[in-house]
């Protein structure tokens, strides 16, 4: 496979600093502020949508529709002073392998306003039960740890839309199957929010951040039925 040509963002922004370091110049608590926006968006999502419906009846495009509604509510709480903006379903051009291949697409992307190539991504997965973490695990091991996701950020995150089961059990299953150590986030003690630290495999010739912190946010989805099958996936 031949080397692909330059994209417009690559022509415009040749330097690619670490998202986290740039954001911290604005405010040392920049990542805490970013993640707090996600939790505030989730609170609005619950109040305005999830509490008004029976989520058991949702059958189509669950992950995409939840994520689109969440991103809109994240944006609503932004002040406009942040050095980043947020976008639903944004492409990661850096990881595009060829002119023919579609690049990875993030469910939610926080990108630097000063450099749109630099993205702090969130990937979302529906967890129908606290054992159904297979697809969630795959995103971490096949995309984040390989630098296919978040090549220009030393941090990023996973959103787990948990329909049934216990969040602590889900965290235990995630930690066991990655495998990794999950730590409580000190700034969000009352949230289902943990972090894990990983040493990434950086492709030859690239200077991506090798040390990576993944945020894990489990967002409980309001349901009324008891599942008939809670087998792990």
Foldseek 3Di string as FASTA:
>chain_A
DDAADDDPLCVVDVDQAAPLVVQVVLPVCRVVVLVVLLVQLLVCCCVPPQVVDACVPDDPPVFLVSLVSSLVSSQVPDDVSGQWHKDAFAFQPVLAGYPPGGGDTARMWIAGPVRRNQTAGEHEDEDAELQACVVVLCCCQVCVQACSPRQRHQEHEYEYAYEYYDLVSSVVNSCVVNPFDWADDPVCNPFSKTKTWDQHDYDPPGDGDRIHIYMYGYRYRDHDDDDPDRDHD
